[in-house]
Amino acid sequence: MSRTIVDVHVLQTVPPSNINRDDTGSPKTAVYGGARRARVSSQAWKRATRDEFDDLLDRSELGVRTKRVVELIGDEITRQDPSLNERSAELAAAVLGAAGIKTKPARKADALPESGYLLFLSHRQVVGLAELAVQAAHAAGGGKLEFAKGEARARADREHSVDVALFGRMVADATDLNVDAACQVAHALSVHAVNNEYDYFTAVDDHKKDDDEEDAGAGMIGTVEFNSSTLYRYATVDVDRLHDSLGDAEATKRAVEAFVRAFVASMPTGKQNTFANRTLPDAVLVLVRETQSVNLVGAFEDPVPEGVPGGRIGESVRRLVQHGRDLHEAFDETPVTGWSFGVGDRTAPLAELAERTTFDTAVRGLGTVVAERLADAP
């Protein structure tokens, strides 16, 4: 049976920056092809992508990831029935327990109970669980709360939000509530070798500076580690698995379009005020496949050297096209369709792999293809 898989390949140059730090504050790196590369973790770019969803999708289609689920559902209980405000936390904990989700006392003495891990719930699931708690409270009166067998768990496992369906969910207490992620995001790697650098800075004490009896020394000194790089970024979406989780073709189409828009245009926010490093990609390639996802990072196993003719972007585009072409020929792999877009003539060779167009046209075209293939699916 044919599948629908969307691969997104991005080349993006980032100036001096530290958009994703390790535990020591240094920019993350990785060794690939025997050379040290700049790296941005998949978690960082997934978070940036999710943040973009707020501008692309209705709030009702999104979810919330939090330990403070008792507070979250309690607030919704109060919204639905203000008379239950005093009991909202008790009711929220009870309905979560009925769903198989355990809560425990918070660290702060005056805080509400929390789940033992970050729990990802869709907006509709929060509303549904709160509604069930309100119904149980009314039915019980002053007696014991009772929930229909399996109903609480069912409400926590249907009407998944776009972000839950895309990025998945793990529920340690109730593994049957787990949701397999429909998308995968690779760690972004620089196409060339990097060496981190250090910015030595000083901060002036304004009040001390105006005092003639004080020295003119700095109020503080420090260093910030940074690098600059041309990154290869990759993500893939299994449209069929996404449709399985969302259960609606139109919602799946919107989700795919929103993911591609958000992944391409987003950027993690680490140290952004220090470096003002936000850029847009230099080149983007979107391919629809029906066999499997294919990461083209092998194009950059040999680091792009300094001073290469055409610059790093031109050479990276050339390598990406050649690697994609060679891989397709070797494995008899023919994409269903595709789109490419980018800045300037350096990105023109991408037309060999996919139609050259613009960002908005590519996303709308992708949405049309997704809708058509879902309509034709058995």
Protein backbone atom coordinates (compact mmCIF):
# COMPACT_ATOMS: atom_id res chain seq x y z
CA MET A 1 0.00 0.00 0.00
CA SER A 2 1.39 3.41 -0.95
CA ARG A 3 2.13 5.92 1.77
CA THR A 4 2.40 9.70 1.85
CA ILE A 5 5.59 11.01 3.43
CA VAL A 6 6.72 14.63 3.37
CA ASP A 7 10.46 15.35 3.60
CA VAL A 8 11.65 18.91 4.29
CA HIS A 9 15.29 19.82 3.62
CA VAL A 10 16.61 23.26 4.62
CA LEU A 11 19.94 25.05 4.17
CA GLN A 12 20.23 28.05 6.47
CA THR A 13 23.14 30.34 7.28
CA VAL A 14 23.28 31.64 10.84
CA PRO A 15 25.68 34.48 11.82
CA PRO A 16 27.57 34.55 15.15
CA SER A 17 25.09 33.02 17.60
CA ASN A 18 24.46 30.58 20.43
CA ILE A 19 20.92 29.46 19.70
CA ASN A 20 21.16 26.12 21.50
CA ARG A 21 23.45 25.71 24.51
CA ASP A 22 24.73 22.69 26.40
CA ASP A 23 24.91 22.44 30.19
CA THR A 24 28.08 24.58 30.27
CA GLY A 25 26.60 27.38 28.12
CA SER A 26 28.57 26.40 25.02
CA PRO A 27 26.92 26.09 21.60
CA LYS A 28 26.06 22.43 20.99
CA THR A 29 28.29 20.54 18.56
CA ALA A 30 28.68 17.03 17.16
CA VAL A 31 31.32 15.11 15.23
CA TYR A 32 30.12 14.04 11.77
CA GLY A 33 32.32 12.87 8.93
CA GLY A 34 35.30 13.11 11.25
CA ALA A 35 34.86 16.87 11.75
CA ARG A 36 33.41 18.95 14.57
CA ARG A 37 30.13 20.51 13.42
CA ALA A 38 27.76 23.11 14.85
CA ARG A 39 24.58 21.42 16.06
CA VAL A 40 21.09 22.52 17.04
CA SER A 41 19.15 19.78 18.80
CA SER A 42 15.92 18.44 17.39
CA GLN A 43 14.19 19.31 20.68
CA ALA A 44 15.13 22.98 20.29
CA TRP A 45 13.76 23.24 16.76
CA LYS A 46 10.63 21.23 17.62
CA ARG A 47 9.91 23.70 20.42
CA ALA A 48 10.43 26.64 18.07
CA THR A 49 8.11 24.97 15.56
CA ARG A 50 5.41 24.45 18.20
CA ASP A 51 5.66 28.10 19.24
CA GLU A 52 4.95 29.14 15.64
CA PHE A 53 1.70 27.14 15.68
CA ASP A 54 0.05 29.83 17.80
CA ASP A 55 0.05 32.10 14.73
CA LEU A 56 -0.96 29.38 12.27
CA LEU A 57 -3.67 27.31 13.94
CA ASP A 58 -6.70 27.94 16.10
CA ARG A 59 -6.09 27.46 19.82
CA SER A 60 -8.70 24.68 19.88
CA GLU A 61 -6.46 22.61 17.58
CA LEU A 62 -3.46 22.78 19.91
CA GLY A 63 -2.46 21.26 23.22
CA VAL A 64 -0.70 22.08 26.49
CA ARG A 65 2.30 20.23 27.92
CA THR A 66 2.53 20.69 31.68
CA LYS A 67 2.89 19.01 35.06
CA ARG A 68 0.25 21.36 36.44
CA VAL A 69 -2.64 19.34 35.00
CA VAL A 70 -4.74 19.55 38.16
CA GLU A 71 -4.66 23.33 37.94
CA LEU A 72 -5.29 23.24 34.18
CA ILE A 73 -8.35 20.98 34.37
CA GLY A 74 -9.52 22.63 37.60
CA ASP A 75 -9.63 26.01 35.88
CA GLU A 76 -11.70 24.48 33.06
CA ILE A 77 -14.08 22.92 35.61
CA THR A 78 -14.59 26.34 37.19
CA ARG A 79 -15.15 27.87 33.76
CA GLN A 80 -17.83 25.30 32.99
CA ASP A 81 -19.48 25.51 36.42
CA PRO A 82 -18.36 28.38 38.71
CA SER A 83 -20.29 26.81 41.62
CA LEU A 84 -17.67 24.04 41.72
CA ASN A 85 -14.73 26.41 42.17
CA GLU A 86 -13.96 25.28 45.72
CA ARG A 87 -13.91 21.62 44.64
CA SER A 88 -12.23 22.09 41.26
CA ALA A 89 -8.82 20.73 42.31
CA GLU A 90 -10.39 17.68 44.00
CA LEU A 91 -12.53 16.98 40.94
CA ALA A 92 -9.60 17.45 38.55
CA ALA A 93 -7.41 15.01 40.48
CA ALA A 94 -10.28 12.50 40.60
CA VAL A 95 -10.98 12.55 36.87
CA LEU A 96 -7.25 12.27 36.11
CA GLY A 97 -7.04 9.28 38.43
CA ALA A 98 -9.99 7.70 36.66
CA ALA A 99 -8.08 8.12 33.41
CA GLY A 100 -5.09 6.32 34.92
CA ILE A 101 -2.97 9.45 35.34
CA LYS A 102 -1.43 9.71 38.81
CA THR A 103 -0.83 12.99 40.63
CA LYS A 104 1.38 13.76 43.59
CA PRO A 105 1.87 16.71 45.97
CA ALA A 106 3.76 19.65 44.49
CA ARG A 107 7.09 20.73 45.94
CA LYS A 108 5.63 24.01 47.11
CA ALA A 109 3.44 23.55 50.16
CA ASP A 110 0.67 25.83 48.90
CA ALA A 111 0.63 24.51 45.31
CA LEU A 112 -1.88 22.09 43.80
CA PRO A 113 -0.91 18.46 43.10
CA GLU A 114 0.98 17.76 39.87
CA SER A 115 1.65 14.86 37.56
CA GLY A 116 5.07 13.27 37.96
CA TYR A 117 6.06 14.20 34.40
CA LEU A 118 5.11 16.62 31.66
CA LEU A 119 1.71 15.58 30.35
CA PHE A 120 0.67 16.61 26.84
CA LEU A 121 -3.11 17.08 26.53
CA SER A 122 -5.10 18.63 23.71
CA HIS A 123 -7.41 21.55 24.42
CA ARG A 124 -10.40 19.34 23.60
CA GLN A 125 -9.18 16.61 25.97
CA VAL A 126 -8.90 19.15 28.81
CA VAL A 127 -12.44 20.34 28.08
CA GLY A 128 -13.75 16.76 27.85
CA LEU A 129 -12.17 15.63 31.12
CA ALA A 130 -13.46 18.73 32.91
CA GLU A 131 -16.94 18.13 31.51
CA LEU A 132 -16.87 14.55 32.81
CA ALA A 133 -15.79 15.78 36.25
CA VAL A 134 -18.64 18.31 36.35
CA GLN A 135 -21.16 15.62 35.39
CA ALA A 136 -19.81 13.28 38.08
CA ALA A 137 -20.00 16.02 40.71
CA HIS A 138 -23.63 16.77 39.89
CA ALA A 139 -24.55 13.08 39.85
CA ALA A 140 -22.85 12.41 43.20
CA GLY A 141 -24.31 15.39 45.02
CA GLY A 142 -22.59 15.13 48.39
CA GLY A 143 -21.75 11.46 47.89
CA LYS A 144 -18.87 9.54 46.38
CA LEU A 145 -17.68 10.49 42.92
CA GLU A 146 -18.16 7.78 40.30
CA PHE A 147 -17.05 7.72 36.67
CA ALA A 148 -18.34 5.53 33.87
CA LYS A 149 -15.85 2.71 33.37
CA GLY A 150 -13.33 3.67 30.70
CA GLU A 151 -14.95 7.02 29.88
CA ALA A 152 -12.25 9.16 31.53
CA ARG A 153 -9.52 7.25 29.74
CA ALA A 154 -11.42 7.51 26.46
CA ARG A 155 -11.69 11.29 26.83
CA ALA A 156 -7.94 11.50 27.34
CA ASP A 157 -7.31 9.45 24.21
CA ARG A 158 -9.51 11.03 21.54
CA GLU A 159 -9.65 14.38 19.75
CA HIS A 160 -5.88 14.71 19.71
CA SER A 161 -4.49 18.15 18.95
CA VAL A 162 -2.25 18.83 15.97
CA ASP A 163 0.88 19.16 18.11
CA VAL A 164 0.16 15.98 20.09
CA ALA A 165 -0.40 14.06 16.84
CA LEU A 166 2.76 15.46 15.26
CA PHE A 167 5.19 15.23 18.17
CA GLY A 168 3.68 12.34 20.12
CA ARG A 169 2.94 11.77 23.78
CA MET A 170 4.27 9.40 26.42
CA VAL A 171 2.16 8.70 29.53
CA ALA A 172 4.22 6.69 32.00
CA ASP A 173 1.24 5.69 34.17
CA ALA A 174 -1.00 4.59 31.29
CA THR A 175 0.93 3.47 28.25
CA ASP A 176 -2.25 2.91 26.26
CA LEU A 177 -2.61 6.70 26.23
CA ASN A 178 0.72 7.03 24.39
CA VAL A 179 0.58 8.68 20.96
CA ASP A 180 3.18 7.80 18.34
CA ALA A 181 4.73 10.90 16.76
CA ALA A 182 3.86 11.44 13.11
CA CYS A 183 6.90 13.63 12.50
CA GLN A 184 10.62 13.30 13.06
CA VAL A 185 13.09 16.18 13.28
CA ALA A 186 16.82 15.68 12.84
CA HIS A 187 19.51 17.53 14.76
CA ALA A 188 20.60 20.38 12.51
CA LEU A 189 24.29 20.11 11.55
CA SER A 190 26.63 22.58 9.92
CA VAL A 191 27.74 21.54 6.43
CA HIS A 192 31.30 22.52 7.37
CA ALA A 193 33.65 22.19 10.31
CA VAL A 194 33.41 24.78 13.10
CA ASN A 195 35.50 26.08 15.95
CA ASN A 196 33.66 27.85 18.76
CA GLU A 197 34.81 31.37 19.56
CA TYR A 198 34.57 33.58 22.66
CA ASP A 199 33.22 37.10 23.02
CA TYR A 200 34.81 38.94 25.96
CA PHE A 201 32.44 41.61 27.22
CA THR A 202 32.27 44.26 29.92
CA ALA A 203 29.27 45.98 31.48
CA VAL A 204 29.55 49.55 32.73
CA ASP A 205 28.08 50.67 36.08
CA ASP A 206 26.33 53.87 34.96
CA HIS A 207 26.05 55.38 38.45
CA LYS A 208 29.65 54.58 39.34
CA LYS A 209 30.85 56.07 36.04
CA ASP A 210 29.42 59.45 37.02
CA ASP A 211 31.23 59.47 40.39
CA ASP A 212 34.55 61.37 40.06
CA GLU A 213 35.93 59.61 43.15
CA GLU A 214 35.43 56.13 41.70
CA ASP A 215 37.57 54.33 39.12
CA ALA A 216 36.23 53.88 35.60
CA GLY A 217 36.42 50.07 35.69
CA ALA A 218 33.68 47.80 34.48
CA GLY A 219 30.84 46.72 36.74
CA MET A 220 31.22 43.15 35.49
CA ILE A 221 33.12 41.17 32.89
CA GLY A 222 32.44 37.86 31.23
CA THR A 223 32.59 35.76 28.09
CA VAL A 224 29.95 34.34 25.76
CA GLU A 225 30.78 31.39 23.52
CA PHE A 226 29.44 31.40 19.96
CA ASN A 227 29.90 30.13 16.43
CA SER A 228 28.50 30.84 12.98
CA SER A 229 27.47 28.22 10.46
CA THR A 230 25.51 27.09 7.45
CA LEU A 231 23.15 24.43 8.75
CA TYR A 232 21.50 21.49 7.04
CA ARG A 233 18.10 20.91 8.65
CA TYR A 234 15.74 18.02 7.99
CA ALA A 235 12.29 16.93 9.11
CA THR A 236 9.78 14.39 7.88
CA VAL A 237 6.04 13.85 8.38
CA ASP A 238 4.23 10.53 7.94
CA VAL A 239 0.90 11.86 6.67
CA ASP A 240 -0.91 8.54 7.09
CA ARG A 241 0.06 8.20 10.77
CA LEU A 242 -0.91 11.83 11.29
CA HIS A 243 -4.31 11.13 9.77
CA ASP A 244 -4.70 8.06 12.00
CA SER A 245 -4.24 10.27 15.09
CA LEU A 246 -6.34 13.21 13.94
CA GLY A 247 -9.04 11.19 12.22
CA ASP A 248 -9.94 13.95 9.79
CA ALA A 249 -8.52 14.65 6.32
CA GLU A 250 -9.03 18.41 6.45
CA ALA A 251 -7.37 18.66 9.87
CA THR A 252 -4.47 16.56 8.56
CA LYS A 253 -4.03 18.89 5.58
CA ARG A 254 -3.98 21.94 7.88
CA ALA A 255 -1.51 20.20 10.20
CA VAL A 256 0.93 19.37 7.39
CA GLU A 257 0.76 22.91 5.99
CA ALA A 258 1.24 24.42 9.45
CA PHE A 259 4.16 22.13 10.25
CA VAL A 260 6.05 22.95 7.04
CA ARG A 261 5.44 26.70 7.44
CA ALA A 262 6.51 26.61 11.08
CA PHE A 263 9.54 24.35 10.66
CA VAL A 264 10.93 26.33 7.72
CA ALA A 265 10.41 29.81 9.20
CA SER A 266 11.07 29.20 12.92
CA MET A 267 14.28 29.53 14.89
CA PRO A 268 15.21 28.69 18.50
CA THR A 269 15.54 31.81 20.64
CA GLY A 270 18.73 31.11 22.61
CA LYS A 271 20.82 34.28 23.14
CA GLN A 272 18.84 36.09 20.43
CA ASN A 273 19.04 39.45 22.23
CA THR A 274 22.82 39.13 22.39
CA PHE A 275 23.37 38.20 18.74
CA ALA A 276 20.26 39.28 16.74
CA ASN A 277 20.90 36.15 14.69
CA ARG A 278 17.45 35.48 13.23
CA THR A 279 17.61 34.56 9.54
CA LEU A 280 15.40 32.86 6.96
CA PRO A 281 16.61 29.78 5.06
CA ASP A 282 18.79 30.18 1.98
CA ALA A 283 17.29 27.14 0.26
CA VAL A 284 14.38 24.75 0.90
CA LEU A 285 13.49 21.46 -0.77
CA VAL A 286 10.15 19.73 -0.04
CA LEU A 287 9.65 16.22 -1.45
CA VAL A 288 6.62 13.94 -1.22
CA ARG A 289 7.54 10.24 -1.14
CA GLU A 290 5.51 7.02 -0.90
CA THR A 291 8.21 4.61 0.24
CA GLN A 292 10.13 5.94 3.24
CA SER A 293 11.68 9.08 4.69
CA VAL A 294 15.11 9.94 3.26
CA ASN A 295 17.53 12.25 5.09
CA LEU A 296 20.06 13.72 2.62
CA VAL A 297 22.70 14.61 5.21
CA GLY A 298 25.13 12.27 3.43
CA ALA A 299 25.72 15.12 0.99
CA PHE A 300 27.81 16.77 3.71
CA GLU A 301 29.78 13.86 5.15
CA ASP A 302 32.84 15.57 3.69
CA PRO A 303 32.82 19.08 5.20
CA VAL A 304 32.40 21.95 2.76
CA PRO A 305 35.82 23.68 2.77
CA GLU A 306 36.47 27.39 3.17
CA GLY A 307 36.81 29.47 0.01
CA VAL A 308 34.96 27.01 -2.23
CA PRO A 309 33.90 28.59 -5.56
CA GLY A 310 30.33 29.86 -5.35
CA GLY A 311 30.45 30.05 -1.56
CA ARG A 312 29.11 27.61 0.98
CA ILE A 313 25.47 27.99 -0.07
CA GLY A 314 26.20 27.40 -3.74
CA GLU A 315 28.38 24.38 -2.98
CA SER A 316 25.87 23.01 -0.46
CA VAL A 317 23.03 23.25 -2.98
CA ARG A 318 25.19 21.54 -5.61
CA ARG A 319 26.04 18.70 -3.21
CA LEU A 320 22.44 18.30 -2.05
CA VAL A 321 21.22 18.00 -5.64
CA GLN A 322 23.96 15.57 -6.64
CA HIS A 323 23.47 13.38 -3.57
CA GLY A 324 19.71 13.34 -4.02
CA ARG A 325 20.02 12.47 -7.70
CA ASP A 326 22.57 9.71 -7.06
CA LEU A 327 20.52 8.24 -4.23
CA HIS A 328 17.35 8.23 -6.31
CA GLU A 329 19.11 6.46 -9.17
CA ALA A 330 20.80 3.88 -6.94
CA PHE A 331 17.63 2.90 -5.08
CA ASP A 332 15.09 3.40 -7.88
CA GLU A 333 13.53 6.05 -5.69
CA THR A 334 11.18 8.47 -7.46
CA PRO A 335 9.46 11.16 -5.37
CA VAL A 336 5.76 11.66 -6.04
CA THR A 337 6.27 15.40 -6.44
CA GLY A 338 8.19 18.25 -4.87
CA TRP A 339 8.86 21.96 -4.62
CA SER A 340 11.99 24.04 -4.11
CA PHE A 341 12.58 27.69 -3.33
CA GLY A 342 15.42 29.84 -2.15
CA VAL A 343 17.36 33.07 -2.40
CA GLY A 344 19.11 33.99 -5.64
CA ASP A 345 20.55 32.04 -8.54
CA ARG A 346 22.70 29.86 -6.26
CA THR A 347 19.61 27.82 -5.39
CA ALA A 348 18.46 27.33 -9.01
CA PRO A 349 20.01 23.80 -9.29
CA LEU A 350 17.34 22.54 -6.85
CA ALA A 351 14.95 22.62 -9.81
CA GLU A 352 16.57 19.36 -10.92
CA LEU A 353 14.96 17.63 -7.94
CA ALA A 354 11.74 19.62 -7.61
CA GLU A 355 9.76 22.44 -9.21
CA ARG A 356 11.17 25.86 -8.37
CA THR A 357 8.57 28.15 -6.79
CA THR A 358 8.00 30.29 -3.67
CA PHE A 359 7.34 29.48 -0.02
CA ASP A 360 3.59 30.13 0.00
CA THR A 361 2.98 28.42 -3.35
CA ALA A 362 4.93 25.35 -2.20
CA VAL A 363 2.95 25.02 1.04
CA ARG A 364 -0.40 25.43 -0.71
CA GLY A 365 0.63 22.95 -3.39
CA LEU A 366 1.67 20.48 -0.71
CA GLY A 367 -1.70 20.86 1.01
CA THR A 368 -3.49 20.10 -2.23
CA VAL A 369 -1.42 16.94 -2.82
CA VAL A 370 -1.99 15.75 0.77
CA ALA A 371 -5.76 16.27 0.45
CA GLU A 372 -5.89 14.42 -2.89
CA ARG A 373 -3.88 11.45 -1.65
CA LEU A 374 -5.95 11.13 1.53
CA ALA A 375 -9.13 11.24 -0.55
CA ASP A 376 -7.83 8.43 -2.78
CA ALA A 377 -6.66 6.26 0.14
CA PRO A 378 -8.71 3.06 0.71
